[in-house]
Amino acid sequence: MRIVLDAMGGDYAPVEVVKGAVEAAKDESLTIILVGDQARVGLELKKYPKKHNIETVHASEDIAMSEHPVEAVRVKKDASINVCMRLVKEGKADAVVSAGNTGAVMAAALFGLGRVKGIERPAICSAFPAVKGHVVVLDIGANSDCRPAHLVQFAYMGKAYIEKVIGVANPRIALLNIGEENEKGNELTTAANKLLRGEVINGLNFIGNIEGKDILENEADVVVCDGFVGNVVLKFAEGLVFSMAKLFRQQFLQWWPSLIGLFLQLPALRSVKAKIDYTEYGGAPLLGVNGVVIITHGRAKSKTIKNSIRAAAVAVRQNLIDAIARIKKVELPVA
């Protein structure tokens, strides 16, 4: 399997990207293709023992986080993310991983790979650690404005992802809302709820609305929302983890006997940290484009890059794109 990696994407590129590629390349079944400035990438690769399953492809341009995504993708034809997508389009690679500008990755995927037939809007999907296992939330930022039918397609794509990649059979699908009653919410959520209830006859295990407090309580396996709401949920969750860690440190340092308690609780705290650490889960798949694309955090370091490559490999092995392509058979009412 050939995974193409945007070596110039992210705040710590190419240093951490190359390091993550080297760590992922310990899996001999994978070939990692690093795309970017060959001189800079080559300089980083010299720090490590040569691996036969790491290749490089030169790209003369890159797209900064501050650039306008669509314009940059259109103008910079030889940008590393554009070259990555071309390799997949031409059948020279099986998946793309990038920690670069999210908007640019999305635009490059849409221009370079196109949408899966029948999918109107691609969605970014994220697996959140829940009390037990994981819950998949989508969209978390690809579409700020959606129609009800788009949320129905998100539900089917989330179902395909959690079944194929995480291994949850007949997942429970819920709509994120301000109340559990079917009539609650704004025009988008009330109309989407009605459409989703109608899809039960097509095998969608829709359980109704859930509130924000229920996301991590295993009330559902897949939670659907528009990208505006989903991105707020994602950023709040990330911020909450960091803020809670700061609060714990402040409280334990204020009174020295509490340090003894901290020492005794270290194994449990390490276990919780590992469960909620986003670096353990790699990146978020962009579902609905005609190829496996994993978008990881702009601050991603080597561990996240390595796990994102592994996530991409699982998605390819499980034929995720074929599963999403079958969604086109579902008749979505106009709403």
C-alpha atoms as a PDB file:
ATOM      1  CA  MET A   1       0.000   0.000   0.000  1.00  0.00           C
ATOM      2  CA  ARG A   2       1.280   3.442  -0.946  1.00  0.00           C
ATOM      3  CA  ILE A   3       0.419   6.384   1.336  1.00  0.00           C
ATOM      4  CA  VAL A   4       1.355   9.838   0.045  1.00  0.00           C
ATOM      5  CA  LEU A   5       2.282  12.372   2.722  1.00  0.00           C
ATOM      6  CA  ASP A   6       2.262  16.158   2.337  1.00  0.00           C
ATOM      7  CA  ALA A   7       5.761  16.838   3.677  1.00  0.00           C
ATOM      8  CA  MET A   8       5.283  20.617   3.637  1.00  0.00           C
ATOM      9  CA  GLY A   9       1.936  20.713   5.482  1.00  0.00           C
ATOM     10  CA  GLY A  10       1.682  21.758   9.122  1.00  0.00           C
ATOM     11  CA  ASP A  11       3.368  24.035  11.628  1.00  0.00           C
ATOM     12  CA  TYR A  12       6.317  21.665  12.109  1.00  0.00           C
ATOM     13  CA  ALA A  13       6.870  20.584   8.505  1.00  0.00           C
ATOM     14  CA  PRO A  14       8.994  19.036   7.209  1.00  0.00           C
ATOM     15  CA  VAL A  15      10.824  18.037  10.431  1.00  0.00           C
ATOM     16  CA  GLU A  16       7.990  16.309  12.306  1.00  0.00           C
ATOM     17  CA  VAL A  17       6.316  15.069   9.124  1.00  0.00           C
ATOM     18  CA  VAL A  18       9.453  13.226   8.031  1.00  0.00           C
ATOM     19  CA  LYS A  19       9.964  11.853  11.540  1.00  0.00           C
ATOM     20  CA  GLY A  20       6.371  10.544  11.567  1.00  0.00           C
ATOM     21  CA  ALA A  21       6.890   8.969   8.148  1.00  0.00           C
ATOM     22  CA  VAL A  22      10.002   7.162   9.381  1.00  0.00           C
ATOM     23  CA  GLU A  23       8.088   5.831  12.398  1.00  0.00           C
ATOM     24  CA  ALA A  24       5.184   4.680  10.220  1.00  0.00           C
ATOM     25  CA  ALA A  25       7.582   3.031   7.759  1.00  0.00           C
ATOM     26  CA  LYS A  26       8.424   0.421  10.394  1.00  0.00           C
ATOM     27  CA  ASP A  27       5.323  -1.265   8.975  1.00  0.00           C
ATOM     28  CA  GLU A  28       6.910  -3.039   6.005  1.00  0.00           C
ATOM     29  CA  SER A  29       3.528  -3.410   4.279  1.00  0.00           C
ATOM     30  CA  LEU A  30       3.423   0.344   3.656  1.00  0.00           C
ATOM     31  CA  THR A  31       5.315   2.575   1.265  1.00  0.00           C
ATOM     32  CA  ILE A  32       5.393   6.220   2.346  1.00  0.00           C
ATOM     33  CA  ILE A  33       5.755   8.826  -0.401  1.00  0.00           C
ATOM     34  CA  LEU A  34       6.958  12.200   0.917  1.00  0.00           C
ATOM     35  CA  VAL A  35       5.921  15.089  -1.342  1.00  0.00           C
ATOM     36  CA  GLY A  36       7.628  18.447  -0.968  1.00  0.00           C
ATOM     37  CA  ASP A  37      10.846  20.389  -1.434  1.00  0.00           C
ATOM     38  CA  GLN A  38      13.221  17.516  -2.150  1.00  0.00           C
ATOM     39  CA  ALA A  39      16.253  19.333  -0.748  1.00  0.00           C
ATOM     40  CA  ARG A  40      14.602  20.049   2.616  1.00  0.00           C
ATOM     41  CA  VAL A  41      12.956  16.637   2.819  1.00  0.00           C
ATOM     42  CA  GLY A  42      16.202  14.899   1.878  1.00  0.00           C
ATOM     43  CA  LEU A  43      18.072  16.812   4.573  1.00  0.00           C
ATOM     44  CA  GLU A  44      15.618  15.538   7.193  1.00  0.00           C
ATOM     45  CA  LEU A  45      15.758  11.956   5.903  1.00  0.00           C
ATOM     46  CA  LYS A  46      19.539  11.939   6.340  1.00  0.00           C
ATOM     47  CA  LYS A  47      18.972  12.023  10.111  1.00  0.00           C
ATOM     48  CA  TYR A  48      17.578   8.468   9.983  1.00  0.00           C
ATOM     49  CA  PRO A  49      18.773   5.094   8.690  1.00  0.00           C
ATOM     50  CA  LYS A  50      17.736   4.682   5.060  1.00  0.00           C
ATOM     51  CA  LYS A  51      14.451   2.815   4.593  1.00  0.00           C
ATOM     52  CA  HIS A  52      13.557   1.104   1.356  1.00  0.00           C
ATOM     53  CA  ASN A  53       9.847   1.866   1.793  1.00  0.00           C
ATOM     54  CA  ILE A  54      10.184   5.668   1.917  1.00  0.00           C
ATOM     55  CA  GLU A  55      10.184   7.551  -1.387  1.00  0.00           C
ATOM     56  CA  THR A  56      10.244  11.263  -2.244  1.00  0.00           C
ATOM     57  CA  VAL A  57       8.511  13.279  -4.956  1.00  0.00           C
ATOM     58  CA  HIS A  58       9.516  16.879  -5.564  1.00  0.00           C
ATOM     59  CA  ALA A  59       6.990  19.733  -5.326  1.00  0.00           C
ATOM     60  CA  SER A  60       8.287  23.233  -5.971  1.00  0.00           C
ATOM     61  CA  GLU A  61       5.548  25.056  -4.018  1.00  0.00           C
ATOM     62  CA  ASP A  62       3.697  24.825  -0.727  1.00  0.00           C
ATOM     63  CA  ILE A  63       0.609  26.509   0.736  1.00  0.00           C
ATOM     64  CA  ALA A  64       0.914  28.414   4.005  1.00  0.00           C
ATOM     65  CA  MET A  65      -1.727  28.288   6.722  1.00  0.00           C
ATOM     66  CA  SER A  66      -2.428  32.013   6.188  1.00  0.00           C
ATOM     67  CA  GLU A  67      -3.144  31.782   2.450  1.00  0.00           C
ATOM     68  CA  HIS A  68      -6.618  31.784   0.931  1.00  0.00           C
ATOM     69  CA  PRO A  69      -7.186  28.043   0.375  1.00  0.00           C
ATOM     70  CA  VAL A  70      -9.101  27.906  -2.912  1.00  0.00           C
ATOM     71  CA  GLU A  71      -7.085  30.639  -4.597  1.00  0.00           C
ATOM     72  CA  ALA A  72      -3.773  29.099  -3.496  1.00  0.00           C
ATOM     73  CA  VAL A  73      -4.784  25.646  -4.748  1.00  0.00           C
ATOM     74  CA  ARG A  74      -5.800  27.058  -8.121  1.00  0.00           C
ATOM     75  CA  VAL A  75      -2.702  29.222  -8.602  1.00  0.00           C
ATOM     76  CA  LYS A  76      -0.033  26.926  -7.147  1.00  0.00           C
ATOM     77  CA  LYS A  77      -0.367  23.939  -9.444  1.00  0.00           C
ATOM     78  CA  ASP A  78       2.854  22.399  -8.117  1.00  0.00           C
ATOM     79  CA  ALA A  79       1.971  22.855  -4.446  1.00  0.00           C
ATOM     80  CA  SER A  80       2.744  19.739  -2.413  1.00  0.00           C
ATOM     81  CA  ILE A  81      -0.926  19.049  -1.620  1.00  0.00           C
ATOM     82  CA  ASN A  82      -1.876  19.287  -5.315  1.00  0.00           C
ATOM     83  CA  VAL A  83       0.901  16.856  -6.235  1.00  0.00           C
ATOM     84  CA  CYS A  84      -0.344  14.477  -3.507  1.00  0.00           C
ATOM     85  CA  MET A  85      -3.841  14.454  -4.988  1.00  0.00           C
ATOM     86  CA  ARG A  86      -2.506  13.904  -8.508  1.00  0.00           C
ATOM     87  CA  LEU A  87      -0.600  10.835  -7.375  1.00  0.00           C
ATOM     88  CA  VAL A  88      -3.816   9.309  -6.009  1.00  0.00           C
ATOM     89  CA  LYS A  89      -5.826  10.363  -9.064  1.00  0.00           C
ATOM     90  CA  GLU A  90      -3.235   8.713 -11.356  1.00  0.00           C
ATOM     91  CA  GLY A  91      -3.287   5.500  -9.324  1.00  0.00           C
ATOM     92  CA  LYS A  92       0.288   5.941  -8.062  1.00  0.00           C
ATOM     93  CA  ALA A  93      -0.827   6.155  -4.424  1.00  0.00           C
ATOM     94  CA  ASP A  94      -3.752   4.855  -2.361  1.00  0.00           C
ATOM     95  CA  ALA A  95      -4.318   7.651   0.167  1.00  0.00           C
ATOM     96  CA  VAL A  96      -3.266  11.177   1.161  1.00  0.00           C
ATOM     97  CA  VAL A  97      -2.301  12.442   4.629  1.00  0.00           C
ATOM     98  CA  SER A  98      -1.760  16.153   5.309  1.00  0.00           C
ATOM     99  CA  ALA A  99      -1.370  18.429   8.334  1.00  0.00           C
ATOM    100  CA  GLY A 100      -1.582  21.484   6.079  1.00  0.00           C
ATOM    101  CA  ASN A 101      -4.167  24.210   5.604  1.00  0.00           C
ATOM    102  CA  THR A 102      -7.521  22.384   6.025  1.00  0.00           C
ATOM    103  CA  GLY A 103      -9.292  24.505   3.443  1.00  0.00           C
ATOM    104  CA  ALA A 104      -6.488  23.896   0.958  1.00  0.00           C
ATOM    105  CA  VAL A 105      -6.590  20.134   1.520  1.00  0.00           C
ATOM    106  CA  MET A 106     -10.348  20.146   0.945  1.00  0.00           C
ATOM    107  CA  ALA A 107     -10.070  22.289  -2.185  1.00  0.00           C
ATOM    108  CA  ALA A 108      -7.230  20.167  -3.585  1.00  0.00           C
ATOM    109  CA  ALA A 109      -9.234  16.993  -2.920  1.00  0.00           C
ATOM    110  CA  LEU A 110     -12.353  18.369  -4.612  1.00  0.00           C
ATOM    111  CA  PHE A 111     -10.441  19.704  -7.634  1.00  0.00           C
ATOM    112  CA  GLY A 112      -8.035  16.786  -7.890  1.00  0.00           C
ATOM    113  CA  LEU A 113     -10.168  13.784  -6.934  1.00  0.00           C
ATOM    114  CA  GLY A 114     -13.743  14.979  -7.250  1.00  0.00           C
ATOM    115  CA  ARG A 115     -16.713  13.861  -5.189  1.00  0.00           C
ATOM    116  CA  VAL A 116     -18.010  10.328  -4.929  1.00  0.00           C
ATOM    117  CA  LYS A 117     -20.964  10.080  -7.305  1.00  0.00           C
ATOM    118  CA  GLY A 118     -24.169  10.933  -5.481  1.00  0.00           C
ATOM    119  CA  ILE A 119     -22.491  12.823  -2.623  1.00  0.00           C
ATOM    120  CA  GLU A 120     -23.367  16.523  -2.653  1.00  0.00           C
ATOM    121  CA  ARG A 121     -21.086  17.719   0.163  1.00  0.00           C
ATOM    122  CA  PRO A 122     -17.959  16.060   1.570  1.00  0.00           C
ATOM    123  CA  ALA A 123     -17.702  16.123   5.361  1.00  0.00           C
ATOM    124  CA  ILE A 124     -14.835  15.986   7.839  1.00  0.00           C
ATOM    125  CA  CYS A 125     -15.319  13.215  10.375  1.00  0.00           C
ATOM    126  CA  SER A 126     -13.692  12.866  13.802  1.00  0.00           C
ATOM    127  CA  ALA A 127     -13.703  10.004  16.298  1.00  0.00           C
ATOM    128  CA  PHE A 128     -14.102  11.331  19.846  1.00  0.00           C
ATOM    129  CA  PRO A 129     -13.073   9.167  22.830  1.00  0.00           C
ATOM    130  CA  ALA A 130     -16.244   8.422  24.790  1.00  0.00           C
ATOM    131  CA  VAL A 131     -16.884   6.796  28.177  1.00  0.00           C
ATOM    132  CA  LYS A 132     -16.816   3.472  26.326  1.00  0.00           C
ATOM    133  CA  GLY A 133     -15.136   3.230  22.951  1.00  0.00           C
ATOM    134  CA  HIS A 134     -15.592   6.065  20.468  1.00  0.00           C
ATOM    135  CA  VAL A 135     -18.261   8.275  18.977  1.00  0.00           C
ATOM    136  CA  VAL A 136     -17.951   9.637  15.445  1.00  0.00           C
ATOM    137  CA  VAL A 137     -18.982  13.256  14.873  1.00  0.00           C
ATOM    138  CA  LEU A 138     -19.482  14.864  11.456  1.00  0.00           C
ATOM    139  CA  ASP A 139     -19.308  17.392   9.934  1.00  0.00           C
ATOM    140  CA  ILE A 140     -16.617  19.131  12.009  1.00  0.00           C
ATOM    141  CA  GLY A 141     -15.776  21.964   9.658  1.00  0.00           C
ATOM    142  CA  ALA A 142     -16.147  21.322   5.953  1.00  0.00           C
ATOM    143  CA  ASN A 143     -19.610  22.909   5.523  1.00  0.00           C
ATOM    144  CA  SER A 144     -20.753  25.895   7.562  1.00  0.00           C
ATOM    145  CA  ASP A 145     -24.121  26.016   5.805  1.00  0.00           C
ATOM    146  CA  CYS A 146     -26.021  22.831   5.031  1.00  0.00           C
ATOM    147  CA  ARG A 147     -29.375  21.672   3.728  1.00  0.00           C
ATOM    148  CA  PRO A 148     -31.302  18.906   5.546  1.00  0.00           C
ATOM    149  CA  ALA A 149     -30.491  16.365   2.811  1.00  0.00           C
ATOM    150  CA  HIS A 150     -26.770  16.996   3.381  1.00  0.00           C
ATOM    151  CA  LEU A 151     -27.128  15.896   7.009  1.00  0.00           C
ATOM    152  CA  VAL A 152     -28.779  12.690   5.810  1.00  0.00           C
ATOM    153  CA  GLN A 153     -25.781  11.974   3.601  1.00  0.00           C
ATOM    154  CA  PHE A 154     -23.458  12.757   6.522  1.00  0.00           C
ATOM    155  CA  ALA A 155     -25.346  10.122   8.531  1.00  0.00           C
ATOM    156  CA  TYR A 156     -24.755   7.477   5.865  1.00  0.00           C
ATOM    157  CA  MET A 157     -21.073   8.423   5.475  1.00  0.00           C
ATOM    158  CA  GLY A 158     -20.577   8.312   9.243  1.00  0.00           C
ATOM    159  CA  LYS A 159     -22.242   4.906   9.295  1.00  0.00           C
ATOM    160  CA  ALA A 160     -19.899   3.628   6.569  1.00  0.00           C
ATOM    161  CA  TYR A 161     -16.837   4.994   8.373  1.00  0.00           C
ATOM    162  CA  ILE A 162     -17.587   3.600  11.825  1.00  0.00           C
ATOM    163  CA  GLU A 163     -18.584   0.204  10.402  1.00  0.00           C
ATOM    164  CA  LYS A 164     -15.555  -0.179   8.127  1.00  0.00           C
ATOM    165  CA  VAL A 165     -12.772   1.557  10.067  1.00  0.00           C
ATOM    166  CA  ILE A 166     -13.763   1.219  13.742  1.00  0.00           C
ATOM    167  CA  GLY A 167     -15.798  -1.981  13.428  1.00  0.00           C
ATOM    168  CA  VAL A 168     -19.140  -0.980  14.983  1.00  0.00           C
ATOM    169  CA  ALA A 169     -22.006  -2.964  13.460  1.00  0.00           C
ATOM    170  CA  ASN A 170     -25.405  -1.305  12.883  1.00  0.00           C
ATOM    171  CA  PRO A 171     -24.306   1.962  14.557  1.00  0.00           C
ATOM    172  CA  ARG A 172     -26.805   4.205  16.312  1.00  0.00           C
ATOM    173  CA  ILE A 173     -27.148   7.512  14.446  1.00  0.00           C
ATOM    174  CA  ALA A 174     -28.203  10.684  16.264  1.00  0.00           C
ATOM    175  CA  LEU A 175     -28.749  14.313  15.295  1.00  0.00           C
ATOM    176  CA  LEU A 176     -27.082  16.939  17.490  1.00  0.00           C
ATOM    177  CA  ASN A 177     -29.751  19.346  18.684  1.00  0.00           C
ATOM    178  CA  ILE A 178     -30.827  21.608  21.554  1.00  0.00           C
ATOM    179  CA  GLY A 179     -33.356  19.066  22.808  1.00  0.00           C
ATOM    180  CA  GLU A 180     -34.370  15.431  22.432  1.00  0.00           C
ATOM    181  CA  GLU A 181     -37.883  16.040  21.100  1.00  0.00           C
ATOM    182  CA  ASN A 182     -38.302  15.682  17.342  1.00  0.00           C
ATOM    183  CA  GLU A 183     -39.789  19.175  17.039  1.00  0.00           C
ATOM    184  CA  LYS A 184     -36.872  20.917  18.779  1.00  0.00           C
ATOM    185  CA  GLY A 185     -34.248  22.967  16.970  1.00  0.00           C
ATOM    186  CA  ASN A 186     -34.019  25.368  14.057  1.00  0.00           C
ATOM    187  CA  GLU A 187     -35.326  24.900  10.512  1.00  0.00           C
ATOM    188  CA  LEU A 188     -32.307  22.807   9.515  1.00  0.00           C
ATOM    189  CA  THR A 189     -32.449  20.328  12.406  1.00  0.00           C
ATOM    190  CA  THR A 190     -36.229  19.904  12.456  1.00  0.00           C
ATOM    191  CA  ALA A 191     -36.294  19.175   8.719  1.00  0.00           C
ATOM    192  CA  ALA A 192     -33.236  16.899   8.962  1.00  0.00           C
ATOM    193  CA  ASN A 193     -34.822  14.989  11.844  1.00  0.00           C
ATOM    194  CA  LYS A 194     -37.900  14.297   9.711  1.00  0.00           C
ATOM    195  CA  LEU A 195     -35.778  13.074   6.793  1.00  0.00           C
ATOM    196  CA  LEU A 196     -33.610  10.883   9.018  1.00  0.00           C
ATOM    197  CA  ARG A 197     -36.667   9.259  10.592  1.00  0.00           C
ATOM    198  CA  GLY A 198     -37.840   8.440   7.076  1.00  0.00           C
ATOM    199  CA  GLU A 199     -34.527   6.733   6.302  1.00  0.00           C
ATOM    200  CA  VAL A 200     -35.135   4.061   8.958  1.00  0.00           C
ATOM    201  CA  ILE A 201     -36.922   2.046   6.264  1.00  0.00           C
ATOM    202  CA  ASN A 202     -33.625   1.991   4.323  1.00  0.00           C
ATOM    203  CA  GLY A 203     -31.775   0.476   7.263  1.00  0.00           C
ATOM    204  CA  LEU A 204     -30.460   3.629   8.951  1.00  0.00           C
ATOM    205  CA  ASN A 205     -30.503   3.086  12.704  1.00  0.00           C
ATOM    206  CA  PHE A 206     -31.609   6.629  13.558  1.00  0.00           C
ATOM    207  CA  ILE A 207     -32.370   7.065  17.258  1.00  0.00           C
ATOM    208  CA  GLY A 208     -33.405  10.742  17.218  1.00  0.00           C
ATOM    209  CA  ASN A 209     -31.919  13.915  18.670  1.00  0.00           C
ATOM    210  CA  ILE A 210     -29.249  14.126  21.343  1.00  0.00           C
ATOM    211  CA  GLU A 211     -27.879  17.140  23.213  1.00  0.00           C
ATOM    212  CA  GLY A 212     -24.247  18.208  23.515  1.00  0.00           C
ATOM    213  CA  LYS A 213     -23.952  16.697  26.984  1.00  0.00           C
ATOM    214  CA  ASP A 214     -24.711  13.252  25.551  1.00  0.00           C
ATOM    215  CA  ILE A 215     -21.970  13.113  22.901  1.00  0.00           C
ATOM    216  CA  LEU A 216     -19.384  11.401  25.109  1.00  0.00           C
ATOM    217  CA  GLU A 217     -21.900   9.320  27.080  1.00  0.00           C
ATOM    218  CA  ASN A 218     -22.303   6.611  24.422  1.00  0.00           C
ATOM    219  CA  GLU A 219     -25.880   7.648  23.708  1.00  0.00           C
ATOM    220  CA  ALA A 220     -25.051   7.224  19.989  1.00  0.00           C
ATOM    221  CA  ASP A 221     -22.249   5.891  17.803  1.00  0.00           C
ATOM    222  CA  VAL A 222     -22.494   8.571  15.090  1.00  0.00           C
ATOM    223  CA  VAL A 223     -23.519  12.177  15.771  1.00  0.00           C
ATOM    224  CA  VAL A 224     -24.526  14.348  12.815  1.00  0.00           C
ATOM    225  CA  CYS A 225     -24.432  18.155  12.647  1.00  0.00           C
ATOM    226  CA  ASP A 226     -23.505  20.948  10.258  1.00  0.00           C
ATOM    227  CA  GLY A 227     -19.839  21.976  10.029  1.00  0.00           C
ATOM    228  CA  PHE A 228     -20.288  25.235  11.948  1.00  0.00           C
ATOM    229  CA  VAL A 229     -21.685  23.491  15.029  1.00  0.00           C
ATOM    230  CA  GLY A 230     -19.315  20.541  14.667  1.00  0.00           C
ATOM    231  CA  ASN A 231     -16.228  22.724  14.551  1.00  0.00           C
ATOM    232  CA  VAL A 232     -17.320  24.594  17.687  1.00  0.00           C
ATOM    233  CA  VAL A 233     -17.786  21.231  19.450  1.00  0.00           C
ATOM    234  CA  LEU A 234     -14.337  20.057  18.302  1.00  0.00           C
ATOM    235  CA  LYS A 235     -12.493  23.226  19.352  1.00  0.00           C
ATOM    236  CA  PHE A 236     -14.313  23.350  22.703  1.00  0.00           C
ATOM    237  CA  ALA A 237     -13.369  19.722  23.394  1.00  0.00           C
ATOM    238  CA  GLU A 238      -9.711  20.376  22.536  1.00  0.00           C
ATOM    239  CA  GLY A 239      -9.632  23.486  24.710  1.00  0.00           C
ATOM    240  CA  LEU A 240     -11.352  21.730  27.600  1.00  0.00           C
ATOM    241  CA  VAL A 241      -8.693  19.001  27.707  1.00  0.00           C
ATOM    242  CA  PHE A 242      -5.850  21.533  27.882  1.00  0.00           C
ATOM    243  CA  SER A 243      -7.647  23.743  30.422  1.00  0.00           C
ATOM    244  CA  MET A 244      -8.453  20.815  32.712  1.00  0.00           C
ATOM    245  CA  ALA A 245      -4.801  19.739  32.639  1.00  0.00           C
ATOM    246  CA  LYS A 246      -3.768  23.280  33.701  1.00  0.00           C
ATOM    247  CA  LEU A 247      -6.340  23.305  36.505  1.00  0.00           C
ATOM    248  CA  PHE A 248      -5.089  19.973  37.850  1.00  0.00           C
ATOM    249  CA  ARG A 249      -1.491  21.222  37.863  1.00  0.00           C
ATOM    250  CA  GLN A 250      -2.457  24.448  39.626  1.00  0.00           C
ATOM    251  CA  GLN A 251      -4.441  22.644  42.331  1.00  0.00           C
ATOM    252  CA  PHE A 252      -1.786  20.045  43.054  1.00  0.00           C
ATOM    253  CA  LEU A 253       0.996  22.622  43.259  1.00  0.00           C
ATOM    254  CA  GLN A 254      -0.893  24.900  45.659  1.00  0.00           C
ATOM    255  CA  TRP A 255      -0.669  22.439  48.560  1.00  0.00           C
ATOM    256  CA  TRP A 256       2.363  20.158  48.813  1.00  0.00           C
ATOM    257  CA  PRO A 257       0.616  17.153  50.523  1.00  0.00           C
ATOM    258  CA  SER A 258      -1.569  16.877  47.420  1.00  0.00           C
ATOM    259  CA  LEU A 259       1.573  15.947  45.482  1.00  0.00           C
ATOM    260  CA  ILE A 260       1.557  12.627  47.364  1.00  0.00           C
ATOM    261  CA  GLY A 261      -1.977  11.994  46.145  1.00  0.00           C
ATOM    262  CA  LEU A 262      -0.909  12.963  42.640  1.00  0.00           C
ATOM    263  CA  PHE A 263       1.913  10.431  42.752  1.00  0.00           C
ATOM    264  CA  LEU A 264      -0.504   7.672  43.807  1.00  0.00           C
ATOM    265  CA  GLN A 265      -2.923   8.584  41.037  1.00  0.00           C
ATOM    266  CA  LEU A 266      -0.342   8.823  38.250  1.00  0.00           C
ATOM    267  CA  PRO A 267      -1.152   5.438  36.624  1.00  0.00           C
ATOM    268  CA  ALA A 268      -4.866   6.288  36.419  1.00  0.00           C
ATOM    269  CA  LEU A 269      -4.151   9.819  35.189  1.00  0.00           C
ATOM    270  CA  ARG A 270      -1.805   8.503  32.490  1.00  0.00           C
ATOM    271  CA  SER A 271      -4.513   6.081  31.348  1.00  0.00           C
ATOM    272  CA  VAL A 272      -7.088   8.886  31.095  1.00  0.00           C
ATOM    273  CA  LYS A 273      -4.602  11.142  29.282  1.00  0.00           C
ATOM    274  CA  ALA A 274      -3.917   8.431  26.699  1.00  0.00           C
ATOM    275  CA  LYS A 275      -7.660   7.997  26.119  1.00  0.00           C
ATOM    276  CA  ILE A 276      -8.351  11.692  25.492  1.00  0.00           C
ATOM    277  CA  ASP A 277      -5.080  12.525  23.705  1.00  0.00           C
ATOM    278  CA  TYR A 278      -5.958  13.391  20.088  1.00  0.00           C
ATOM    279  CA  THR A 279      -2.425  12.446  18.985  1.00  0.00           C
ATOM    280  CA  GLU A 280      -3.345   8.811  19.626  1.00  0.00           C
ATOM    281  CA  TYR A 281      -6.084   8.848  16.994  1.00  0.00           C
ATOM    282  CA  GLY A 282      -4.343  10.463  14.042  1.00  0.00           C
ATOM    283  CA  GLY A 283      -6.290  12.685  11.689  1.00  0.00           C
ATOM    284  CA  ALA A 284      -9.835  13.187  10.520  1.00  0.00           C
ATOM    285  CA  PRO A 285     -10.987  11.645   7.229  1.00  0.00           C
ATOM    286  CA  LEU A 286     -12.539  13.836   4.560  1.00  0.00           C
ATOM    287  CA  LEU A 287     -15.513  11.690   3.575  1.00  0.00           C
ATOM    288  CA  GLY A 288     -17.256  12.004   0.230  1.00  0.00           C
ATOM    289  CA  VAL A 289     -14.279  12.686  -2.039  1.00  0.00           C
ATOM    290  CA  ASN A 290     -13.161  10.009  -4.482  1.00  0.00           C
ATOM    291  CA  GLY A 291     -10.150   8.841  -2.515  1.00  0.00           C
ATOM    292  CA  VAL A 292      -8.933   8.338   1.057  1.00  0.00           C
ATOM    293  CA  VAL A 293      -7.870  11.730   2.454  1.00  0.00           C
ATOM    294  CA  ILE A 294      -6.839  12.187   6.094  1.00  0.00           C
ATOM    295  CA  ILE A 295      -6.562  15.747   7.450  1.00  0.00           C
ATOM    296  CA  THR A 296      -4.597  15.988  10.658  1.00  0.00           C
ATOM    297  CA  HIS A 297      -4.007  18.829  13.114  1.00  0.00           C
ATOM    298  CA  GLY A 298      -1.872  21.757  11.951  1.00  0.00           C
ATOM    299  CA  ARG A 299       0.176  21.356  15.148  1.00  0.00           C
ATOM    300  CA  ALA A 300       0.681  17.662  14.464  1.00  0.00           C
ATOM    301  CA  LYS A 301       3.987  16.154  15.507  1.00  0.00           C
ATOM    302  CA  SER A 302       5.494  12.830  14.535  1.00  0.00           C
ATOM    303  CA  LYS A 303       3.203  10.656  16.689  1.00  0.00           C
ATOM    304  CA  THR A 304       0.063  12.144  15.124  1.00  0.00           C
ATOM    305  CA  ILE A 305       1.536  11.854  11.635  1.00  0.00           C
ATOM    306  CA  LYS A 306       2.371   8.184  12.220  1.00  0.00           C
ATOM    307  CA  ASN A 307      -1.116   7.410  13.528  1.00  0.00           C
ATOM    308  CA  SER A 308      -2.726   9.331  10.655  1.00  0.00           C
ATOM    309  CA  ILE A 309      -0.819   7.183   8.157  1.00  0.00           C
ATOM    310  CA  ARG A 310      -2.062   4.083   9.967  1.00  0.00           C
ATOM    311  CA  ALA A 311      -5.641   5.423   9.885  1.00  0.00           C
ATOM    312  CA  ALA A 312      -5.325   5.986   6.141  1.00  0.00           C
ATOM    313  CA  ALA A 313      -4.073   2.428   5.651  1.00  0.00           C
ATOM    314  CA  VAL A 314      -7.044   0.990   7.571  1.00  0.00           C
ATOM    315  CA  ALA A 315      -9.497   3.038   5.493  1.00  0.00           C
ATOM    316  CA  VAL A 316      -7.931   1.733   2.265  1.00  0.00           C
ATOM    317  CA  ARG A 317      -7.875  -1.886   3.449  1.00  0.00           C
ATOM    318  CA  GLN A 318     -11.523  -1.710   4.483  1.00  0.00           C
ATOM    319  CA  ASN A 319     -12.621  -0.275   1.098  1.00  0.00           C
ATOM    320  CA  LEU A 320     -14.139   2.807   2.719  1.00  0.00           C
ATOM    321  CA  ILE A 321     -14.636   4.627  -0.599  1.00  0.00           C
ATOM    322  CA  ASP A 322     -16.637   1.707  -2.032  1.00  0.00           C
ATOM    323  CA  ALA A 323     -18.862   1.726   1.049  1.00  0.00           C
ATOM    324  CA  ILE A 324     -19.526   5.454   0.638  1.00  0.00           C
ATOM    325  CA  ALA A 325     -20.131   5.039  -3.103  1.00  0.00           C
ATOM    326  CA  ARG A 326     -23.070   2.753  -2.307  1.00  0.00           C
ATOM    327  CA  ILE A 327     -24.828   5.687  -0.611  1.00  0.00           C
ATOM    328  CA  LYS A 328     -25.806   6.962  -4.058  1.00  0.00           C
ATOM    329  CA  LYS A 329     -28.507   4.251  -4.143  1.00  0.00           C
ATOM    330  CA  VAL A 330     -30.374   6.008  -1.336  1.00  0.00           C
ATOM    331  CA  GLU A 331     -33.071   8.348  -2.632  1.00  0.00           C
ATOM    332  CA  LEU A 332     -32.713  11.648  -0.788  1.00  0.00           C
ATOM    333  CA  PRO A 333     -35.777  13.900  -0.857  1.00  0.00           C
ATOM    334  CA  VAL A 334     -35.277  17.531  -1.822  1.00  0.00           C
ATOM    335  CA  ALA A 335     -35.484  19.743   1.268  1.00  0.00           C
END
